[in-house]
Amino acid sequence: MYYMVKMENTIRIPPSMIGEDLDEVSSKIVQETFEGTMDKEYGLIVLTRNVKRIGEGNILHGDGAIYQKVEFEALTFKPELHEVVDAIVCDIVEFGAFCHIGPLDALLHKSQIMDDKILVDVENKRMEGKETKKTLKVGDKIRVRIVTVSLNEMNPRESKIGLTMRQPGLGKEEWKEMEKKKKEKEG
């Protein structure tokens, strides 16, 4: 889920930038320092804005840089356990599908796709249910539930997020239509 949060931190303004507009420099440094980083509490910081310097900065002996306390707003993305999200299939591999959920990728293991034996065609980047003939391919939009979350602060791209589609209301929209037609035919 996306959140807008207020954050505080201290940034280092190098001596080479001291003659420039400190508000612009502070915004640039906050953007370069924090965007794309992972925070265990807030998740992945996607965007920073409204940077405000707090008080006067400090210059440490022997450094020459200004250490400035700043406050800013951050747009973050934090996948929550059991959250239902829309995703896009970005790759099909032998053991499942990788999906974009917001700015992060997650794994949808083939055992969590449907109640059917799945035939995987890695070369053509698609999967198909043996009995149901339901297909899943790169570019498909799907609705999934997050079942595992392990965020990596050091390398956000290495975070591990697990997904499932084996619950009512999840999967591809056309699968829901197929199920609806099947029930109408039977009943």
N, C-alpha and C. Protein backbone atom coordinates (compact mmCIF):
# COMPACT_ATOMS: atom_id res chain seq x y z
N MET A 1 0.84 -1.17 0.00
CA MET A 1 0.00 0.00 0.00
C MET A 1 0.89 1.24 0.00
N TYR A 2 0.41 2.28 -0.63
CA TYR A 2 1.15 3.54 -0.67
C TYR A 2 0.77 4.39 0.54
N TYR A 3 1.77 5.07 1.10
CA TYR A 3 1.55 5.97 2.23
C TYR A 3 2.29 7.27 1.97
N MET A 4 1.76 8.38 2.50
CA MET A 4 2.47 9.66 2.50
C MET A 4 2.85 9.90 3.96
N VAL A 5 4.15 9.95 4.24
CA VAL A 5 4.62 10.08 5.63
C VAL A 5 5.56 11.28 5.76
N LYS A 6 5.63 11.83 6.97
CA LYS A 6 6.59 12.89 7.27
C LYS A 6 7.81 12.23 7.89
N MET A 7 8.98 12.64 7.43
CA MET A 7 10.23 12.07 7.94
C MET A 7 11.18 13.19 8.32
N GLU A 8 12.09 12.88 9.23
CA GLU A 8 13.16 13.79 9.63
C GLU A 8 14.47 13.05 9.53
N ASN A 9 15.51 13.76 9.11
CA ASN A 9 16.83 13.16 9.06
C ASN A 9 17.86 14.28 8.95
N THR A 10 19.12 13.91 9.00
CA THR A 10 20.21 14.87 8.84
C THR A 10 20.93 14.57 7.54
N ILE A 11 21.13 15.61 6.74
CA ILE A 11 21.84 15.44 5.47
C ILE A 11 23.18 16.16 5.53
N ARG A 12 24.09 15.75 4.67
CA ARG A 12 25.41 16.38 4.57
C ARG A 12 25.44 17.22 3.30
N ILE A 13 25.62 18.53 3.47
CA ILE A 13 25.74 19.44 2.32
C ILE A 13 27.23 19.68 2.12
N PRO A 14 27.80 19.18 1.01
CA PRO A 14 29.25 19.31 0.80
C PRO A 14 29.67 20.77 0.61
N PRO A 15 30.93 21.08 0.93
CA PRO A 15 31.43 22.46 0.80
C PRO A 15 31.23 23.04 -0.60
N SER A 16 31.32 22.21 -1.63
CA SER A 16 31.19 22.70 -3.01
C SER A 16 29.79 23.26 -3.31
N MET A 17 28.80 22.94 -2.49
CA MET A 17 27.42 23.39 -2.74
C MET A 17 26.99 24.50 -1.79
N ILE A 18 27.86 24.95 -0.91
CA ILE A 18 27.47 25.93 0.10
C ILE A 18 27.07 27.28 -0.50
N GLY A 19 27.63 27.68 -1.61
CA GLY A 19 27.29 28.96 -2.23
C GLY A 19 25.95 28.97 -2.94
N GLU A 20 25.37 27.79 -3.16
CA GLU A 20 24.10 27.68 -3.89
C GLU A 20 22.91 27.89 -2.94
N ASP A 21 21.71 27.97 -3.52
CA ASP A 21 20.48 28.10 -2.73
C ASP A 21 20.33 26.85 -1.86
N LEU A 22 20.38 27.02 -0.54
CA LEU A 22 20.37 25.88 0.38
C LEU A 22 19.06 25.10 0.35
N ASP A 23 17.95 25.76 0.04
CA ASP A 23 16.68 25.03 -0.05
C ASP A 23 16.69 24.07 -1.23
N GLU A 24 17.18 24.56 -2.39
CA GLU A 24 17.27 23.70 -3.58
C GLU A 24 18.27 22.58 -3.36
N VAL A 25 19.42 22.91 -2.77
CA VAL A 25 20.45 21.92 -2.50
C VAL A 25 19.92 20.85 -1.54
N SER A 26 19.22 21.28 -0.50
CA SER A 26 18.65 20.34 0.48
C SER A 26 17.67 19.39 -0.20
N SER A 27 16.80 19.93 -1.05
CA SER A 27 15.83 19.10 -1.77
C SER A 27 16.53 18.08 -2.65
N LYS A 28 17.55 18.53 -3.37
CA LYS A 28 18.30 17.64 -4.27
C LYS A 28 18.99 16.52 -3.48
N ILE A 29 19.63 16.87 -2.37
CA ILE A 29 20.35 15.87 -1.56
C ILE A 29 19.37 14.88 -0.93
N VAL A 30 18.23 15.36 -0.43
CA VAL A 30 17.22 14.46 0.14
C VAL A 30 16.74 13.48 -0.94
N GLN A 31 16.46 14.01 -2.13
CA GLN A 31 16.00 13.17 -3.23
C GLN A 31 17.04 12.10 -3.57
N GLU A 32 18.30 12.50 -3.74
CA GLU A 32 19.37 11.55 -4.10
C GLU A 32 19.65 10.55 -2.99
N THR A 33 19.51 10.98 -1.74
CA THR A 33 19.86 10.14 -0.60
C THR A 33 18.77 9.13 -0.25
N PHE A 34 17.51 9.54 -0.34
CA PHE A 34 16.44 8.70 0.20
C PHE A 34 15.56 8.00 -0.83
N GLU A 35 15.34 8.60 -2.01
CA GLU A 35 14.48 7.95 -2.99
C GLU A 35 15.11 6.63 -3.45
N GLY A 36 14.30 5.58 -3.46
CA GLY A 36 14.77 4.26 -3.87
C GLY A 36 15.36 3.44 -2.73
N THR A 37 15.33 3.99 -1.51
CA THR A 37 15.85 3.23 -0.37
C THR A 37 14.70 2.57 0.38
N MET A 38 15.06 1.55 1.16
CA MET A 38 14.06 0.79 1.92
C MET A 38 14.19 1.13 3.39
N ASP A 39 13.05 1.32 4.02
CA ASP A 39 12.97 1.58 5.45
C ASP A 39 12.03 0.53 6.04
N LYS A 40 12.49 -0.20 7.07
CA LYS A 40 11.68 -1.29 7.65
C LYS A 40 10.31 -0.79 8.11
N GLU A 41 10.27 0.41 8.67
CA GLU A 41 9.01 0.94 9.19
C GLU A 41 8.08 1.44 8.09
N TYR A 42 8.64 2.14 7.09
CA TYR A 42 7.81 2.79 6.08
C TYR A 42 7.78 2.08 4.73
N GLY A 43 8.72 1.20 4.45
CA GLY A 43 8.78 0.52 3.16
C GLY A 43 9.71 1.25 2.20
N LEU A 44 9.47 1.06 0.90
CA LEU A 44 10.30 1.65 -0.15
C LEU A 44 9.92 3.12 -0.33
N ILE A 45 10.91 4.00 -0.24
CA ILE A 45 10.67 5.43 -0.45
C ILE A 45 10.69 5.69 -1.96
N VAL A 46 9.53 6.05 -2.49
CA VAL A 46 9.36 6.23 -3.92
C VAL A 46 9.66 7.66 -4.34
N LEU A 47 9.24 8.64 -3.51
CA LEU A 47 9.34 10.05 -3.88
C LEU A 47 9.47 10.89 -2.62
N THR A 48 10.26 11.96 -2.70
CA THR A 48 10.35 12.92 -1.59
C THR A 48 9.92 14.29 -2.09
N ARG A 49 9.35 15.09 -1.18
CA ARG A 49 8.92 16.45 -1.56
C ARG A 49 8.79 17.30 -0.30
N ASN A 50 8.59 18.61 -0.52
CA ASN A 50 8.39 19.58 0.57
C ASN A 50 9.49 19.50 1.64
N VAL A 51 10.72 19.58 1.18
CA VAL A 51 11.87 19.52 2.10
C VAL A 51 12.01 20.87 2.80
N LYS A 52 12.12 20.81 4.14
CA LYS A 52 12.29 22.04 4.94
C LYS A 52 13.50 21.84 5.84
N ARG A 53 14.37 22.85 5.84
CA ARG A 53 15.52 22.82 6.76
C ARG A 53 15.04 23.18 8.15
N ILE A 54 15.55 22.48 9.15
CA ILE A 54 15.18 22.75 10.54
C ILE A 54 16.37 23.40 11.24
N GLY A 55 16.21 24.65 11.61
CA GLY A 55 17.27 25.36 12.33
C GLY A 55 18.51 25.59 11.48
N GLU A 56 19.59 25.90 12.18
CA GLU A 56 20.88 26.13 11.52
C GLU A 56 21.62 24.80 11.43
N GLY A 57 22.39 24.63 10.38
CA GLY A 57 23.19 23.42 10.24
C GLY A 57 24.45 23.50 11.09
N ASN A 58 25.13 22.39 11.24
CA ASN A 58 26.39 22.34 11.99
C ASN A 58 27.54 22.02 11.05
N ILE A 59 28.67 22.66 11.32
CA ILE A 59 29.89 22.36 10.57
C ILE A 59 30.85 21.68 11.53
N LEU A 60 31.28 20.48 11.16
CA LEU A 60 32.20 19.73 12.01
C LEU A 60 33.64 20.13 11.69
N HIS A 61 34.45 20.22 12.72
CA HIS A 61 35.86 20.57 12.57
C HIS A 61 36.55 19.55 11.66
N GLY A 62 37.24 20.04 10.66
CA GLY A 62 37.99 19.17 9.77
C GLY A 62 37.19 18.64 8.59
N ASP A 63 35.89 18.92 8.53
CA ASP A 63 35.07 18.40 7.43
C ASP A 63 34.73 19.50 6.44
N GLY A 64 34.17 20.60 6.91
CA GLY A 64 33.81 21.72 6.03
C GLY A 64 32.40 21.62 5.48
N ALA A 65 31.77 20.48 5.61
CA ALA A 65 30.39 20.31 5.13
C ALA A 65 29.41 20.78 6.20
N ILE A 66 28.20 21.10 5.75
CA ILE A 66 27.13 21.47 6.69
C ILE A 66 26.28 20.22 6.94
N TYR A 67 26.08 19.91 8.20
CA TYR A 67 25.18 18.82 8.58
C TYR A 67 23.86 19.48 8.99
N GLN A 68 22.87 19.31 8.13
CA GLN A 68 21.60 20.03 8.26
C GLN A 68 20.47 19.06 8.57
N LYS A 69 19.73 19.35 9.63
CA LYS A 69 18.54 18.56 9.95
C LYS A 69 17.43 19.02 9.01
N VAL A 70 16.71 18.07 8.41
CA VAL A 70 15.63 18.38 7.47
C VAL A 70 14.39 17.57 7.81
N GLU A 71 13.26 18.12 7.38
CA GLU A 71 11.97 17.44 7.49
C GLU A 71 11.42 17.39 6.07
N PHE A 72 10.81 16.27 5.70
CA PHE A 72 10.26 16.16 4.35
C PHE A 72 9.12 15.15 4.33
N GLU A 73 8.33 15.22 3.26
CA GLU A 73 7.27 14.24 3.04
C GLU A 73 7.81 13.19 2.09
N ALA A 74 7.42 11.94 2.33
CA ALA A 74 7.87 10.86 1.47
C ALA A 74 6.67 10.00 1.07
N LEU A 75 6.58 9.70 -0.22
CA LEU A 75 5.61 8.73 -0.72
C LEU A 75 6.29 7.38 -0.62
N THR A 76 5.70 6.46 0.14
CA THR A 76 6.31 5.15 0.34
C THR A 76 5.37 4.05 -0.13
N PHE A 77 5.97 2.91 -0.44
CA PHE A 77 5.19 1.73 -0.80
C PHE A 77 5.61 0.62 0.15
N LYS A 78 4.65 0.15 0.95
CA LYS A 78 4.94 -0.93 1.89
C LYS A 78 3.92 -2.05 1.69
N PRO A 79 4.37 -3.18 1.14
CA PRO A 79 3.45 -4.30 0.97
C PRO A 79 3.07 -4.88 2.33
N GLU A 80 1.78 -5.00 2.59
CA GLU A 80 1.28 -5.50 3.87
C GLU A 80 0.83 -6.95 3.73
N LEU A 81 1.11 -7.76 4.73
CA LEU A 81 0.69 -9.15 4.75
C LEU A 81 -0.83 -9.24 4.63
N HIS A 82 -1.32 -10.11 3.78
CA HIS A 82 -2.75 -10.37 3.52
C HIS A 82 -3.43 -9.27 2.70
N GLU A 83 -2.69 -8.29 2.24
CA GLU A 83 -3.26 -7.21 1.42
C GLU A 83 -3.57 -7.75 0.02
N VAL A 84 -4.70 -7.35 -0.53
CA VAL A 84 -5.07 -7.71 -1.90
C VAL A 84 -4.64 -6.55 -2.80
N VAL A 85 -3.86 -6.88 -3.85
CA VAL A 85 -3.34 -5.85 -4.75
C VAL A 85 -3.51 -6.29 -6.20
N ASP A 86 -3.51 -5.32 -7.10
CA ASP A 86 -3.48 -5.62 -8.52
C ASP A 86 -2.02 -5.71 -8.94
N ALA A 87 -1.73 -6.65 -9.83
CA ALA A 87 -0.35 -6.89 -10.26
C ALA A 87 -0.33 -7.11 -11.77
N ILE A 88 0.87 -7.01 -12.33
CA ILE A 88 1.07 -7.30 -13.75
C ILE A 88 2.16 -8.36 -13.85
N VAL A 89 1.88 -9.44 -14.58
CA VAL A 89 2.86 -10.51 -14.76
C VAL A 89 3.99 -9.97 -15.63
N CYS A 90 5.24 -10.06 -15.11
CA CYS A 90 6.37 -9.51 -15.87
C CYS A 90 7.33 -10.60 -16.36
N ASP A 91 7.24 -11.82 -15.81
CA ASP A 91 8.09 -12.91 -16.28
C ASP A 91 7.49 -14.24 -15.85
N ILE A 92 7.66 -15.24 -16.71
CA ILE A 92 7.22 -16.61 -16.40
C ILE A 92 8.48 -17.47 -16.34
N VAL A 93 8.63 -18.20 -15.24
CA VAL A 93 9.76 -19.12 -15.08
C VAL A 93 9.19 -20.50 -14.73
N GLU A 94 10.04 -21.50 -14.70
CA GLU A 94 9.60 -22.88 -14.45
C GLU A 94 8.81 -23.04 -13.16
N PHE A 95 9.17 -22.28 -12.13
CA PHE A 95 8.54 -22.46 -10.82
C PHE A 95 7.42 -21.45 -10.53
N GLY A 96 7.12 -20.55 -11.45
CA GLY A 96 6.05 -19.60 -11.20
C GLY A 96 6.13 -18.36 -12.08
N ALA A 97 5.55 -17.28 -11.57
CA ALA A 97 5.51 -16.01 -12.31
C ALA A 97 5.99 -14.88 -11.41
N PHE A 98 6.79 -13.99 -11.98
CA PHE A 98 7.17 -12.78 -11.27
C PHE A 98 6.20 -11.68 -11.69
N CYS A 99 5.78 -10.88 -10.71
CA CYS A 99 4.76 -9.86 -10.96
C CYS A 99 5.19 -8.52 -10.39
N HIS A 100 4.85 -7.44 -11.09
CA HIS A 100 5.05 -6.09 -10.57
C HIS A 100 3.88 -5.77 -9.64
N ILE A 101 4.20 -5.43 -8.39
CA ILE A 101 3.18 -4.87 -7.49
C ILE A 101 3.73 -3.51 -7.08
N GLY A 102 3.20 -2.47 -7.67
CA GLY A 102 3.76 -1.14 -7.43
C GLY A 102 5.20 -1.12 -7.95
N PRO A 103 6.13 -0.54 -7.18
CA PRO A 103 7.52 -0.44 -7.64
C PRO A 103 8.36 -1.69 -7.34
N LEU A 104 7.78 -2.71 -6.74
CA LEU A 104 8.53 -3.92 -6.38
C LEU A 104 8.03 -5.12 -7.18
N ASP A 105 8.87 -6.16 -7.24
CA ASP A 105 8.49 -7.42 -7.88
C ASP A 105 8.21 -8.45 -6.81
N ALA A 106 7.29 -9.36 -7.11
CA ALA A 106 6.91 -10.41 -6.17
C ALA A 106 6.80 -11.72 -6.94
N LEU A 107 6.87 -12.84 -6.20
CA LEU A 107 6.79 -14.16 -6.81
C LEU A 107 5.42 -14.79 -6.56
N LEU A 108 4.82 -15.26 -7.63
CA LEU A 108 3.60 -16.04 -7.57
C LEU A 108 3.99 -17.46 -7.94
N HIS A 109 4.19 -18.32 -6.91
CA HIS A 109 4.62 -19.71 -7.16
C HIS A 109 3.52 -20.44 -7.91
N LYS A 110 3.90 -21.37 -8.79
CA LYS A 110 2.90 -22.05 -9.61
C LYS A 110 1.88 -22.83 -8.78
N SER A 111 2.25 -23.24 -7.57
CA SER A 111 1.30 -23.94 -6.70
C SER A 111 0.23 -22.99 -6.15
N GLN A 112 0.46 -21.69 -6.27
CA GLN A 112 -0.47 -20.69 -5.73
C GLN A 112 -1.30 -20.00 -6.82
N ILE A 113 -1.28 -20.55 -8.03
CA ILE A 113 -1.99 -19.91 -9.14
C ILE A 113 -3.43 -20.39 -9.26
N MET A 114 -3.62 -21.71 -9.29
CA MET A 114 -4.98 -22.26 -9.45
C MET A 114 -5.03 -23.69 -8.95
N ASP A 115 -6.26 -24.19 -8.77
CA ASP A 115 -6.47 -25.58 -8.35
C ASP A 115 -6.49 -26.48 -9.59
N ASP A 116 -5.36 -26.60 -10.24
CA ASP A 116 -5.24 -27.39 -11.46
C ASP A 116 -3.76 -27.64 -11.67
N LYS A 117 -3.43 -28.72 -12.38
CA LYS A 117 -2.03 -28.95 -12.74
C LYS A 117 -1.66 -27.90 -13.79
N ILE A 118 -0.51 -27.30 -13.60
CA ILE A 118 -0.11 -26.21 -14.49
C ILE A 118 1.00 -26.66 -15.43
N LEU A 119 0.79 -26.38 -16.71
CA LEU A 119 1.80 -26.64 -17.72
C LEU A 119 2.52 -25.32 -17.98
N VAL A 120 3.85 -25.33 -17.84
CA VAL A 120 4.64 -24.11 -17.99
C VAL A 120 5.36 -24.13 -19.33
N ASP A 121 5.19 -23.07 -20.11
CA ASP A 121 5.88 -22.89 -21.38
C ASP A 121 6.80 -21.68 -21.22
N VAL A 122 8.03 -21.94 -20.72
CA VAL A 122 8.97 -20.86 -20.44
C VAL A 122 9.36 -20.12 -21.71
N GLU A 123 9.52 -20.87 -22.80
CA GLU A 123 9.95 -20.27 -24.07
C GLU A 123 8.97 -19.20 -24.56
N ASN A 124 7.67 -19.49 -24.44
CA ASN A 124 6.64 -18.53 -24.87
C ASN A 124 6.10 -17.69 -23.72
N LYS A 125 6.70 -17.85 -22.53
CA LYS A 125 6.35 -17.05 -21.35
C LYS A 125 4.86 -17.14 -21.03
N ARG A 126 4.35 -18.38 -20.87
CA ARG A 126 2.95 -18.57 -20.51
C ARG A 126 2.76 -19.85 -19.71
N MET A 127 1.64 -19.88 -18.98
CA MET A 127 1.25 -21.05 -18.20
C MET A 127 -0.19 -21.37 -18.56
N GLU A 128 -0.54 -22.66 -18.43
CA GLU A 128 -1.91 -23.06 -18.74
C GLU A 128 -2.34 -24.16 -17.79
N GLY A 129 -3.57 -24.07 -17.32
CA GLY A 129 -4.15 -25.13 -16.49
C GLY A 129 -4.50 -26.32 -17.37
N LYS A 130 -4.07 -27.52 -16.96
CA LYS A 130 -4.27 -28.72 -17.79
C LYS A 130 -5.75 -29.00 -18.03
N GLU A 131 -6.57 -28.94 -16.98
CA GLU A 131 -8.00 -29.24 -17.09
C GLU A 131 -8.82 -28.00 -17.47
N THR A 132 -8.56 -26.89 -16.80
CA THR A 132 -9.39 -25.69 -16.97
C THR A 132 -9.05 -24.89 -18.22
N LYS A 133 -7.83 -25.06 -18.73
CA LYS A 133 -7.34 -24.30 -19.90
C LYS A 133 -7.18 -22.80 -19.61
N LYS A 134 -7.20 -22.43 -18.33
CA LYS A 134 -6.94 -21.04 -17.96
C LYS A 134 -5.48 -20.74 -18.26
N THR A 135 -5.22 -19.56 -18.85
CA THR A 135 -3.84 -19.20 -19.20
C THR A 135 -3.37 -17.99 -18.41
N LEU A 136 -2.06 -17.93 -18.25
CA LEU A 136 -1.41 -16.79 -17.60
C LEU A 136 -0.17 -16.49 -18.41
N LYS A 137 -0.02 -15.24 -18.86
CA LYS A 137 1.15 -14.89 -19.68
C LYS A 137 1.68 -13.52 -19.28
N VAL A 138 2.86 -13.21 -19.76
CA VAL A 138 3.49 -11.92 -19.48
C VAL A 138 2.57 -10.80 -19.96
N GLY A 139 2.37 -9.80 -19.11
CA GLY A 139 1.52 -8.66 -19.43
C GLY A 139 0.11 -8.77 -18.87
N ASP A 140 -0.27 -9.96 -18.39
CA ASP A 140 -1.62 -10.14 -17.83
C ASP A 140 -1.77 -9.34 -16.54
N LYS A 141 -2.95 -8.75 -16.39
CA LYS A 141 -3.29 -8.03 -15.15
C LYS A 141 -4.04 -9.02 -14.26
N ILE A 142 -3.60 -9.12 -13.01
CA ILE A 142 -4.18 -10.09 -12.09
C ILE A 142 -4.42 -9.45 -10.72
N ARG A 143 -5.30 -10.06 -9.96
CA ARG A 143 -5.54 -9.63 -8.58
C ARG A 143 -4.98 -10.74 -7.68
N VAL A 144 -4.12 -10.34 -6.73
CA VAL A 144 -3.41 -11.30 -5.88
C VAL A 144 -3.48 -10.87 -4.42
N ARG A 145 -3.17 -11.82 -3.54
CA ARG A 145 -3.05 -11.52 -2.10
C ARG A 145 -1.60 -11.75 -1.71
N ILE A 146 -1.06 -10.82 -0.91
CA ILE A 146 0.31 -10.95 -0.41
C ILE A 146 0.30 -11.92 0.77
N VAL A 147 1.14 -12.98 0.68
CA VAL A 147 1.16 -14.00 1.74
C VAL A 147 2.48 -14.03 2.51
N THR A 148 3.55 -13.50 1.95
CA THR A 148 4.82 -13.40 2.68
C THR A 148 5.50 -12.09 2.31
N VAL A 149 6.14 -11.47 3.30
CA VAL A 149 6.88 -10.23 3.07
C VAL A 149 8.18 -10.27 3.85
N SER A 150 9.30 -10.09 3.15
CA SER A 150 10.61 -9.98 3.77
C SER A 150 11.34 -8.84 3.06
N LEU A 151 11.33 -7.65 3.66
CA LEU A 151 11.93 -6.47 3.03
C LEU A 151 13.42 -6.41 3.34
N ASN A 152 14.22 -6.08 2.33
CA ASN A 152 15.66 -5.99 2.46
C ASN A 152 16.06 -4.52 2.40
N GLU A 153 16.46 -3.96 3.55
CA GLU A 153 16.84 -2.54 3.62
C GLU A 153 18.10 -2.24 2.83
N MET A 154 19.04 -3.17 2.82
CA MET A 154 20.32 -2.93 2.14
C MET A 154 20.17 -2.92 0.62
N ASN A 155 19.32 -3.81 0.10
CA ASN A 155 19.10 -3.88 -1.34
C ASN A 155 17.60 -4.13 -1.59
N PRO A 156 16.82 -3.06 -1.76
CA PRO A 156 15.37 -3.20 -1.91
C PRO A 156 14.93 -4.17 -3.00
N ARG A 157 15.70 -4.27 -4.07
CA ARG A 157 15.35 -5.17 -5.17
C ARG A 157 15.46 -6.64 -4.76
N GLU A 158 16.16 -6.91 -3.67
CA GLU A 158 16.31 -8.28 -3.16
C GLU A 158 15.22 -8.64 -2.15
N SER A 159 14.27 -7.76 -1.93
CA SER A 159 13.16 -8.06 -1.02
C SER A 159 12.37 -9.25 -1.57
N LYS A 160 11.85 -10.06 -0.67
CA LYS A 160 11.11 -11.25 -1.08
C LYS A 160 9.64 -11.09 -0.68
N ILE A 161 8.78 -11.14 -1.69
CA ILE A 161 7.34 -10.99 -1.48
C ILE A 161 6.66 -12.16 -2.18
N GLY A 162 5.85 -12.90 -1.44
CA GLY A 162 5.14 -14.05 -2.01
C GLY A 162 3.66 -13.73 -2.19
N LEU A 163 3.08 -14.28 -3.27
CA LEU A 163 1.69 -14.00 -3.63
C LEU A 163 0.88 -15.29 -3.77
N THR A 164 -0.44 -15.15 -3.71
CA THR A 164 -1.35 -16.26 -4.02
C THR A 164 -2.53 -15.74 -4.84
N MET A 165 -3.10 -16.65 -5.65
CA MET A 165 -4.34 -16.36 -6.38
C MET A 165 -5.37 -17.44 -6.10
N ARG A 166 -5.10 -18.33 -5.15
CA ARG A 166 -5.97 -19.48 -4.89
C ARG A 166 -7.03 -19.16 -3.83
N GLN A 167 -7.69 -18.06 -4.00
CA GLN A 167 -8.78 -17.68 -3.09
C GLN A 167 -9.87 -17.01 -3.93
N PRO A 168 -11.10 -17.06 -3.47
CA PRO A 168 -12.20 -16.45 -4.23
C PRO A 168 -11.94 -14.96 -4.49
N GLY A 169 -12.26 -14.54 -5.72
CA GLY A 169 -12.12 -13.13 -6.09
C GLY A 169 -10.74 -12.76 -6.61
N LEU A 170 -9.80 -13.71 -6.57
CA LEU A 170 -8.44 -13.43 -7.04
C LEU A 170 -8.23 -14.06 -8.42
N GLY A 171 -7.20 -13.62 -9.13
CA GLY A 171 -6.87 -14.16 -10.45
C GLY A 171 -7.13 -13.14 -11.54
N LYS A 172 -7.19 -13.66 -12.77
CA LYS A 172 -7.50 -12.81 -13.92
C LYS A 172 -9.00 -12.56 -13.99
N GLU A 173 -9.38 -11.41 -14.46
CA GLU A 173 -10.79 -11.05 -14.57
C GLU A 173 -11.54 -12.04 -15.46
N GLU A 174 -10.91 -12.45 -16.56
CA GLU A 174 -11.58 -13.38 -17.48
C GLU A 174 -11.81 -14.75 -16.83
N TRP A 175 -10.97 -15.13 -15.85
CA TRP A 175 -11.19 -16.39 -15.13
C TRP A 175 -12.47 -16.31 -14.32
N LYS A 176 -12.71 -15.15 -13.73
CA LYS A 176 -13.93 -14.96 -12.94
C LYS A 176 -15.16 -15.08 -13.83
N GLU A 177 -15.06 -14.53 -15.05
CA GLU A 177 -16.16 -14.62 -16.01
C GLU A 177 -16.38 -16.07 -16.43
N MET A 178 -15.28 -16.83 -16.63
CA MET A 178 -15.38 -18.25 -16.99
C MET A 178 -16.10 -19.03 -15.89
N GLU A 179 -15.74 -18.76 -14.64
CA GLU A 179 -16.36 -19.44 -13.50
C GLU A 179 -17.85 -19.10 -13.42
N LYS A 180 -18.17 -17.85 -13.65
CA LYS A 180 -19.56 -17.39 -13.60
C LYS A 180 -20.40 -18.11 -14.66
N LYS A 181 -19.87 -18.19 -15.90
CA LYS A 181 -20.57 -18.87 -16.99
C LYS A 181 -20.72 -20.35 -16.70
N LYS A 182 -19.68 -20.95 -16.11
CA LYS A 182 -19.71 -22.37 -15.78
C LYS A 182 -20.80 -22.66 -14.75
N LYS A 183 -20.92 -21.80 -13.74
CA LYS A 183 -21.95 -21.97 -12.71
C LYS A 183 -23.35 -21.78 -13.28
N GLU A 184 -23.51 -20.82 -14.20
CA GLU A 184 -24.81 -20.59 -14.84
C GLU A 184 -25.22 -21.80 -15.67
N LYS A 185 -24.24 -22.41 -16.35
CA LYS A 185 -24.48 -23.58 -17.18
C LYS A 185 -24.91 -24.77 -16.32
N GLU A 186 -24.23 -24.94 -15.18
CA GLU A 186 -24.53 -26.05 -14.27
C GLU A 186 -25.85 -25.85 -13.54
N GLY A 187 -26.17 -24.63 -13.20
CA GLY A 187 -27.35 -24.36 -12.36
C GLY A 187 -28.47 -23.87 -13.14
